[in-house]
Amino acid sequence: MWRRVVALSLLFLIVCASVTRSGSKTENTGITGAVFVTPIRPGPIRAGSESPTAAPLPNAMFTVTSDDGAVTRFTTDTMGRFQVLLKPGHYVVVLAENRFPKPCGPFEISVEPGEMTTVEWRCDSGMR
C-alpha cells in the first residue's frame, strides 16, 4: 500500500515539474523590440548631421498573423517599445492603422521555443 502512495506521489511531482517547465518556456517565447518612424523631417539629410533621422512610433497598434490567420494585436508604448508572447512559429506583423502613406510592414519573424526574439523595425513616414 505504501509503495502505491510513494509511486503516485512521485508521479505527481514529475507532472508538476513538467507543467512548470513548459509554462516558463511559453512565458519567455515571443517578440520584443521597438518600432521607429523615419524620416522625421522633410528634405535632404546632411552627411555628419547630428540631428536624429528616426523617432519612436508611440501608441501604434499592430496585428500579428500566422498561416492560420490573425493571432493577436499589440500596441507600442510611448517610446515605441513592445513585447508580445507568442508560441513558436512563423508570423507576419503589420501596422493595423493608416498613419502613413505607405504600409508599415509586413515584418516577417520566426519565433523559436523558449526565446524572446529582439527586433527593431522602421516605418516610412512618407516625408521627402
N, C-alpha and C. Protein backbone atom coordinates (compact mmCIF):
# COMPACT_ATOMS: atom_id res chain seq x y z
N MET A 1 0.82 -1.20 0.00
CA MET A 1 0.00 0.00 0.00
C MET A 1 0.87 1.27 0.00
N TRP A 2 1.88 1.29 0.86
CA TRP A 2 2.71 2.50 0.94
C TRP A 2 3.52 2.70 -0.33
N ARG A 3 3.86 1.60 -1.04
CA ARG A 3 4.57 1.72 -2.31
C ARG A 3 3.69 2.42 -3.35
N ARG A 4 2.42 2.12 -3.34
CA ARG A 4 1.49 2.77 -4.26
C ARG A 4 1.40 4.26 -3.97
N VAL A 5 1.37 4.62 -2.69
CA VAL A 5 1.32 6.04 -2.29
C VAL A 5 2.60 6.75 -2.73
N VAL A 6 3.74 6.13 -2.52
CA VAL A 6 5.02 6.72 -2.92
C VAL A 6 5.07 6.87 -4.44
N ALA A 7 4.65 5.82 -5.17
CA ALA A 7 4.67 5.88 -6.64
C ALA A 7 3.75 6.98 -7.15
N LEU A 8 2.57 7.11 -6.59
CA LEU A 8 1.65 8.17 -7.01
C LEU A 8 2.20 9.55 -6.66
N SER A 9 2.85 9.66 -5.51
CA SER A 9 3.46 10.94 -5.11
C SER A 9 4.57 11.34 -6.07
N LEU A 10 5.41 10.38 -6.44
CA LEU A 10 6.48 10.67 -7.41
C LEU A 10 5.92 11.06 -8.77
N LEU A 11 4.90 10.36 -9.21
CA LEU A 11 4.26 10.69 -10.48
C LEU A 11 3.69 12.10 -10.44
N PHE A 12 3.07 12.47 -9.34
CA PHE A 12 2.52 13.81 -9.18
C PHE A 12 3.62 14.87 -9.25
N LEU A 13 4.74 14.63 -8.58
CA LEU A 13 5.86 15.58 -8.61
C LEU A 13 6.44 15.73 -10.01
N ILE A 14 6.55 14.64 -10.74
CA ILE A 14 7.07 14.69 -12.11
C ILE A 14 6.15 15.49 -13.01
N VAL A 15 4.85 15.27 -12.89
CA VAL A 15 3.88 16.01 -13.70
C VAL A 15 3.93 17.49 -13.36
N CYS A 16 4.01 17.84 -12.07
CA CYS A 16 4.08 19.25 -11.66
C CYS A 16 5.34 19.91 -12.21
N ALA A 17 6.47 19.22 -12.14
CA ALA A 17 7.72 19.78 -12.66
C ALA A 17 7.64 19.98 -14.16
N SER A 18 7.02 19.05 -14.86
CA SER A 18 6.88 19.16 -16.31
C SER A 18 6.01 20.34 -16.69
N VAL A 19 4.90 20.52 -15.99
CA VAL A 19 4.00 21.65 -16.28
C VAL A 19 4.70 22.96 -15.99
N THR A 20 5.45 23.05 -14.91
CA THR A 20 6.16 24.28 -14.57
C THR A 20 7.20 24.62 -15.63
N ARG A 21 7.96 23.63 -16.09
CA ARG A 21 8.97 23.89 -17.12
C ARG A 21 8.33 24.35 -18.42
N SER A 22 7.29 23.67 -18.87
CA SER A 22 6.66 24.06 -20.14
C SER A 22 5.98 25.40 -20.01
N GLY A 23 5.43 25.74 -18.84
CA GLY A 23 4.80 27.04 -18.64
C GLY A 23 5.81 28.16 -18.71
N SER A 24 7.00 27.96 -18.13
CA SER A 24 8.01 29.02 -18.16
C SER A 24 8.54 29.22 -19.57
N LYS A 25 8.60 28.17 -20.39
CA LYS A 25 9.05 28.35 -21.77
C LYS A 25 8.05 29.20 -22.55
N THR A 26 6.76 28.98 -22.32
CA THR A 26 5.74 29.75 -23.02
C THR A 26 5.83 31.22 -22.61
N GLU A 27 6.08 31.48 -21.33
CA GLU A 27 6.16 32.85 -20.84
C GLU A 27 7.33 33.60 -21.46
N ASN A 28 8.37 32.91 -21.86
CA ASN A 28 9.57 33.55 -22.40
C ASN A 28 9.70 33.37 -23.90
N THR A 29 8.60 33.14 -24.58
CA THR A 29 8.64 32.94 -26.02
C THR A 29 7.82 34.01 -26.70
N GLY A 30 8.44 34.72 -27.65
CA GLY A 30 7.71 35.76 -28.37
C GLY A 30 8.64 36.76 -29.02
N ILE A 31 8.15 37.99 -29.13
CA ILE A 31 8.89 39.06 -29.78
C ILE A 31 8.95 40.26 -28.84
N THR A 32 10.10 40.90 -28.77
CA THR A 32 10.26 42.14 -28.02
C THR A 32 11.09 43.09 -28.88
N GLY A 33 10.86 44.37 -28.73
CA GLY A 33 11.64 45.31 -29.52
C GLY A 33 11.05 46.70 -29.55
N ALA A 34 11.38 47.42 -30.62
CA ALA A 34 10.92 48.80 -30.77
C ALA A 34 10.64 49.09 -32.24
N VAL A 35 9.72 50.03 -32.45
CA VAL A 35 9.36 50.45 -33.80
C VAL A 35 9.64 51.95 -33.91
N PHE A 36 10.29 52.33 -35.02
CA PHE A 36 10.64 53.72 -35.26
C PHE A 36 10.01 54.20 -36.56
N VAL A 37 9.85 55.50 -36.67
CA VAL A 37 9.38 56.10 -37.91
C VAL A 37 10.51 56.96 -38.46
N THR A 38 10.69 56.89 -39.78
CA THR A 38 11.77 57.63 -40.43
C THR A 38 11.37 57.98 -41.85
N PRO A 39 11.77 59.08 -42.42
CA PRO A 39 12.44 60.21 -41.78
C PRO A 39 11.44 61.02 -40.95
N ILE A 40 11.99 61.83 -40.03
CA ILE A 40 11.12 62.63 -39.17
C ILE A 40 11.07 64.09 -39.62
N ARG A 41 11.89 64.43 -40.61
CA ARG A 41 11.89 65.79 -41.18
C ARG A 41 11.97 65.69 -42.70
N PRO A 42 11.26 66.59 -43.38
CA PRO A 42 11.38 66.59 -44.85
C PRO A 42 12.73 67.17 -45.29
N GLY A 43 13.08 66.88 -46.50
CA GLY A 43 14.30 67.44 -47.08
C GLY A 43 15.47 66.52 -46.97
N PRO A 44 16.59 66.94 -47.55
CA PRO A 44 17.79 66.09 -47.55
C PRO A 44 18.41 66.00 -46.16
N ILE A 45 19.10 64.90 -45.93
CA ILE A 45 19.82 64.70 -44.68
C ILE A 45 21.29 64.92 -44.96
N ARG A 46 21.89 65.83 -44.24
CA ARG A 46 23.30 66.15 -44.47
C ARG A 46 24.20 65.10 -43.83
N ALA A 47 25.22 64.73 -44.54
CA ALA A 47 26.21 63.78 -44.02
C ALA A 47 26.86 64.37 -42.78
N GLY A 48 26.97 63.59 -41.73
CA GLY A 48 27.59 64.05 -40.50
C GLY A 48 26.64 64.84 -39.61
N SER A 49 25.40 64.97 -40.01
CA SER A 49 24.42 65.70 -39.21
C SER A 49 24.15 64.96 -37.91
N GLU A 50 24.02 65.72 -36.81
CA GLU A 50 23.77 65.09 -35.53
C GLU A 50 22.28 65.06 -35.19
N SER A 51 21.45 65.61 -36.04
CA SER A 51 20.03 65.57 -35.75
C SER A 51 19.50 64.17 -36.06
N PRO A 52 18.58 63.68 -35.23
CA PRO A 52 18.08 62.31 -35.43
C PRO A 52 17.26 62.20 -36.71
N THR A 53 17.34 61.04 -37.33
CA THR A 53 16.57 60.79 -38.55
C THR A 53 15.38 59.88 -38.29
N ALA A 54 15.32 59.30 -37.10
CA ALA A 54 14.22 58.40 -36.74
C ALA A 54 13.72 58.76 -35.34
N ALA A 55 12.44 58.45 -35.10
CA ALA A 55 11.84 58.68 -33.79
C ALA A 55 10.99 57.47 -33.43
N PRO A 56 10.80 57.22 -32.13
CA PRO A 56 9.95 56.11 -31.73
C PRO A 56 8.53 56.29 -32.27
N LEU A 57 7.87 55.19 -32.57
CA LEU A 57 6.48 55.20 -33.02
C LEU A 57 5.60 54.86 -31.82
N PRO A 58 5.03 55.89 -31.15
CA PRO A 58 4.28 55.64 -29.92
C PRO A 58 2.84 55.20 -30.18
N ASN A 59 2.31 54.42 -29.26
CA ASN A 59 0.89 54.06 -29.23
C ASN A 59 0.35 53.57 -30.57
N ALA A 60 1.10 52.74 -31.24
CA ALA A 60 0.70 52.21 -32.55
C ALA A 60 0.24 50.77 -32.38
N MET A 61 -0.90 50.44 -32.97
CA MET A 61 -1.44 49.09 -32.87
C MET A 61 -0.99 48.26 -34.06
N PHE A 62 -0.47 47.07 -33.77
CA PHE A 62 -0.01 46.13 -34.79
C PHE A 62 -0.81 44.84 -34.71
N THR A 63 -0.98 44.20 -35.86
CA THR A 63 -1.66 42.91 -35.94
C THR A 63 -0.62 41.84 -36.23
N VAL A 64 -0.74 40.71 -35.53
CA VAL A 64 0.15 39.57 -35.72
C VAL A 64 -0.68 38.45 -36.34
N THR A 65 -0.20 37.92 -37.47
CA THR A 65 -0.89 36.81 -38.13
C THR A 65 0.08 35.66 -38.37
N SER A 66 -0.49 34.49 -38.53
CA SER A 66 0.28 33.30 -38.91
C SER A 66 -0.43 32.70 -40.13
N ASP A 67 0.03 31.55 -40.57
CA ASP A 67 -0.62 30.88 -41.70
C ASP A 67 -2.08 30.54 -41.38
N ASP A 68 -2.40 30.44 -40.09
CA ASP A 68 -3.76 30.10 -39.66
C ASP A 68 -4.67 31.33 -39.54
N GLY A 69 -4.13 32.54 -39.75
CA GLY A 69 -4.93 33.76 -39.64
C GLY A 69 -4.45 34.65 -38.51
N ALA A 70 -5.32 35.58 -38.09
CA ALA A 70 -4.98 36.54 -37.04
C ALA A 70 -4.68 35.81 -35.73
N VAL A 71 -3.61 36.25 -35.07
CA VAL A 71 -3.19 35.62 -33.81
C VAL A 71 -3.47 36.56 -32.65
N THR A 72 -2.99 37.81 -32.74
CA THR A 72 -3.15 38.77 -31.65
C THR A 72 -2.86 40.17 -32.16
N ARG A 73 -3.03 41.13 -31.30
CA ARG A 73 -2.65 42.53 -31.56
C ARG A 73 -1.83 43.01 -30.38
N PHE A 74 -0.99 44.01 -30.63
CA PHE A 74 -0.26 44.65 -29.55
C PHE A 74 -0.12 46.12 -29.89
N THR A 75 0.14 46.93 -28.86
CA THR A 75 0.31 48.37 -29.02
C THR A 75 1.66 48.77 -28.46
N THR A 76 2.39 49.60 -29.19
CA THR A 76 3.67 50.09 -28.70
C THR A 76 3.43 51.07 -27.56
N ASP A 77 4.44 51.22 -26.69
CA ASP A 77 4.32 52.19 -25.61
C ASP A 77 4.73 53.57 -26.11
N THR A 78 4.89 54.53 -25.23
CA THR A 78 5.22 55.90 -25.65
C THR A 78 6.60 56.03 -26.26
N MET A 79 7.46 55.02 -26.05
CA MET A 79 8.80 55.03 -26.64
C MET A 79 8.91 54.06 -27.82
N GLY A 80 7.77 53.57 -28.32
CA GLY A 80 7.77 52.67 -29.47
C GLY A 80 8.13 51.23 -29.13
N ARG A 81 8.28 50.92 -27.85
CA ARG A 81 8.67 49.56 -27.45
C ARG A 81 7.44 48.67 -27.30
N PHE A 82 7.68 47.36 -27.40
CA PHE A 82 6.61 46.39 -27.22
C PHE A 82 7.18 45.05 -26.82
N GLN A 83 6.30 44.21 -26.30
CA GLN A 83 6.63 42.81 -26.04
C GLN A 83 5.34 42.03 -26.21
N VAL A 84 5.39 40.96 -26.99
CA VAL A 84 4.23 40.13 -27.22
C VAL A 84 4.64 38.67 -27.08
N LEU A 85 3.87 37.91 -26.29
CA LEU A 85 4.14 36.50 -26.09
C LEU A 85 3.47 35.70 -27.19
N LEU A 86 4.23 34.82 -27.82
CA LEU A 86 3.72 34.00 -28.92
C LEU A 86 4.27 32.59 -28.81
N LYS A 87 3.53 31.65 -29.33
CA LYS A 87 4.02 30.28 -29.44
C LYS A 87 5.10 30.25 -30.52
N PRO A 88 5.99 29.29 -30.47
CA PRO A 88 6.99 29.16 -31.55
C PRO A 88 6.29 29.02 -32.90
N GLY A 89 6.87 29.66 -33.91
CA GLY A 89 6.30 29.60 -35.26
C GLY A 89 6.71 30.80 -36.09
N HIS A 90 6.13 30.90 -37.28
CA HIS A 90 6.42 31.99 -38.21
C HIS A 90 5.24 32.96 -38.21
N TYR A 91 5.53 34.25 -38.11
CA TYR A 91 4.49 35.27 -38.02
C TYR A 91 4.77 36.43 -38.96
N VAL A 92 3.70 37.16 -39.27
CA VAL A 92 3.79 38.39 -40.04
C VAL A 92 3.15 39.49 -39.21
N VAL A 93 3.86 40.61 -39.04
CA VAL A 93 3.39 41.72 -38.23
C VAL A 93 3.22 42.94 -39.13
N VAL A 94 2.08 43.64 -38.97
CA VAL A 94 1.80 44.81 -39.80
C VAL A 94 1.05 45.85 -38.95
N LEU A 95 1.31 47.13 -39.22
CA LEU A 95 0.61 48.21 -38.54
C LEU A 95 -0.87 48.12 -38.88
N ALA A 96 -1.73 48.15 -37.87
CA ALA A 96 -3.17 47.98 -38.07
C ALA A 96 -3.88 49.30 -38.30
N GLU A 97 -3.14 50.39 -38.40
CA GLU A 97 -3.72 51.72 -38.58
C GLU A 97 -3.16 52.34 -39.86
N ASN A 98 -3.85 53.32 -40.39
CA ASN A 98 -3.37 54.04 -41.57
C ASN A 98 -2.74 55.35 -41.14
N ARG A 99 -1.55 55.30 -40.60
CA ARG A 99 -0.85 56.51 -40.14
C ARG A 99 0.02 57.12 -41.24
N PHE A 100 0.45 56.29 -42.18
CA PHE A 100 1.44 56.73 -43.16
C PHE A 100 0.95 56.42 -44.57
N PRO A 101 1.52 57.13 -45.57
CA PRO A 101 1.12 56.86 -46.96
C PRO A 101 1.46 55.44 -47.42
N LYS A 102 2.54 54.89 -46.89
CA LYS A 102 2.94 53.52 -47.24
C LYS A 102 2.64 52.60 -46.06
N PRO A 103 2.36 51.32 -46.33
CA PRO A 103 2.13 50.38 -45.21
C PRO A 103 3.38 50.25 -44.34
N CYS A 104 3.16 50.06 -43.07
CA CYS A 104 4.26 49.81 -42.13
C CYS A 104 4.30 48.30 -41.92
N GLY A 105 5.23 47.65 -42.56
CA GLY A 105 5.30 46.20 -42.58
C GLY A 105 4.95 45.76 -43.98
N PRO A 106 4.80 44.53 -44.23
CA PRO A 106 4.83 43.45 -43.25
C PRO A 106 6.25 43.12 -42.80
N PHE A 107 6.35 42.79 -41.52
CA PHE A 107 7.59 42.33 -40.92
C PHE A 107 7.43 40.84 -40.65
N GLU A 108 8.28 40.02 -41.27
CA GLU A 108 8.20 38.58 -41.04
C GLU A 108 9.19 38.20 -39.95
N ILE A 109 8.75 37.32 -39.05
CA ILE A 109 9.58 36.93 -37.92
C ILE A 109 9.32 35.47 -37.56
N SER A 110 10.38 34.77 -37.22
CA SER A 110 10.25 33.40 -36.72
C SER A 110 10.55 33.40 -35.23
N VAL A 111 9.68 32.79 -34.46
CA VAL A 111 9.83 32.71 -33.01
C VAL A 111 10.27 31.29 -32.66
N GLU A 112 11.38 31.21 -31.93
CA GLU A 112 11.95 29.92 -31.53
C GLU A 112 11.48 29.56 -30.13
N PRO A 113 11.36 28.28 -29.83
CA PRO A 113 10.92 27.85 -28.50
C PRO A 113 11.82 28.39 -27.39
N GLY A 114 11.21 28.94 -26.34
CA GLY A 114 11.94 29.40 -25.17
C GLY A 114 12.75 30.66 -25.38
N GLU A 115 12.53 31.40 -26.48
CA GLU A 115 13.32 32.60 -26.76
C GLU A 115 12.43 33.80 -27.01
N MET A 116 12.89 34.96 -26.54
CA MET A 116 12.27 36.23 -26.91
C MET A 116 13.14 36.80 -28.03
N THR A 117 12.58 36.92 -29.22
CA THR A 117 13.31 37.44 -30.37
C THR A 117 13.26 38.96 -30.34
N THR A 118 14.42 39.60 -30.36
CA THR A 118 14.50 41.05 -30.30
C THR A 118 14.57 41.62 -31.71
N VAL A 119 13.72 42.64 -31.97
CA VAL A 119 13.66 43.26 -33.29
C VAL A 119 13.69 44.78 -33.16
N GLU A 120 14.06 45.42 -34.25
CA GLU A 120 13.94 46.87 -34.39
C GLU A 120 13.41 47.13 -35.79
N TRP A 121 12.18 47.62 -35.87
CA TRP A 121 11.54 47.85 -37.15
C TRP A 121 11.39 49.33 -37.42
N ARG A 122 11.38 49.69 -38.72
CA ARG A 122 11.23 51.09 -39.13
C ARG A 122 10.06 51.21 -40.09
N CYS A 123 9.27 52.26 -39.88
CA CYS A 123 8.15 52.59 -40.76
C CYS A 123 8.49 53.85 -41.51
N ASP A 124 8.09 53.91 -42.77
CA ASP A 124 8.36 55.06 -43.63
C ASP A 124 7.29 56.12 -43.42
N SER A 125 7.70 57.32 -42.98
CA SER A 125 6.74 58.41 -42.72
C SER A 125 6.19 59.00 -44.00
N GLY A 126 6.87 58.80 -45.10
CA GLY A 126 6.45 59.37 -46.37
C GLY A 126 6.98 60.78 -46.60
N MET A 127 7.67 61.37 -45.61
CA MET A 127 8.25 62.71 -45.79
C MET A 127 9.43 62.64 -46.72
N ARG A 128 9.52 63.61 -47.61
CA ARG A 128 10.65 63.68 -48.52
C ARG A 128 11.12 65.10 -48.65
